[in-house]
């Protein structure tokens, strides 16, 4: 099967990030990602390149070191065969199949791709590369053929392998369009000192967050992160767990801070308790990324009457509204042993 038959999506993370750590790409590398539609199916593609001679600027020879592609075939109506075995994309293929294929790229270059079909997905991953591109005066392509398929502006990179207009000018003709993903990313020439990101607020008892007594109820988490070293420039983004029945709004503030507003008590008591606050860091040049997480606990005011069952004419205290959802409120509940804690919050 030709490589173009299977094409494209890569869902791999170019930088392995652990909680609290800020990790950076290696110098003299390019990292590119893109999405497109192939036969009506959305695909995502990821590619990495590394400069052969790691000195000077961007001009020189670059080796394609990673290329992975994945897309779900069960949403397509397409058929193909590999080594005499037929596969139909008009239905979900339930089995698994793996094949390693060597692809001749011309100009003395080649690569090996491992093509896997499993549980309805097709994954194509480069496992061996003799694939090089030239960078000359901010253009990416092949000097031998004088065909340029990408460009570098500052540290931003764009690249697209199949460009029909350029090829048609050279006399090529195509019976039908061939899908090609526009890849975008960054080039990194210098090594960067890695660092850490840490959520420093809320801390201690402030990690126990209680809704107020207003109707609709509101809970506020005042979040702050510390990035080190201090000269590592970038931006942070905050995320909080989804809570069924509540509206969550993140208000970014200067200095790696944010207020997270949670509006409306949820209708179910299983939405209280432990939740996760997340912060993500990305350096200004896109070379370094990091994240951290913090566990917080969410409570309702026990004796307020601002639960979802409250109306102007009648209302139940919150503790009773949520207690009715427990096994103790059901027939035979007297056999349940209850352990009471703080009387002002639940």
Foldseek 3Di string as FASTA:
>chain_A
DAPLVQDFADDDDPFDFDAFWKDFDDAQKWWKKWWDADQRWIWIKIWMWGFPDQDDDNFHKIWTDWIKGKTFLCVHQDWDDDPPRIDGSVHADAAKDWDWDWADPPPPWIWIWIWMRHRRMTMIITDGTPDMWGADPQFIHHPVVPDTAKGQDPFKIKGKDDDPVVVVVVPDDDPDDRDITIMITGHGNDDDDMWTKAKPPPDDPLLAWEWDQDAFTKIKGKTAMDIPPPPQAWDKDKDWDDAAPWDWDWADDPHRIIMIMITHDHQAPVSWFKIKIKMKIAGPRRGMIHMHIDIGTYKYFQQHFRHPVDDPVDTDGPVVSHVCVDCLVDVVNVVDDDDDDDPGID
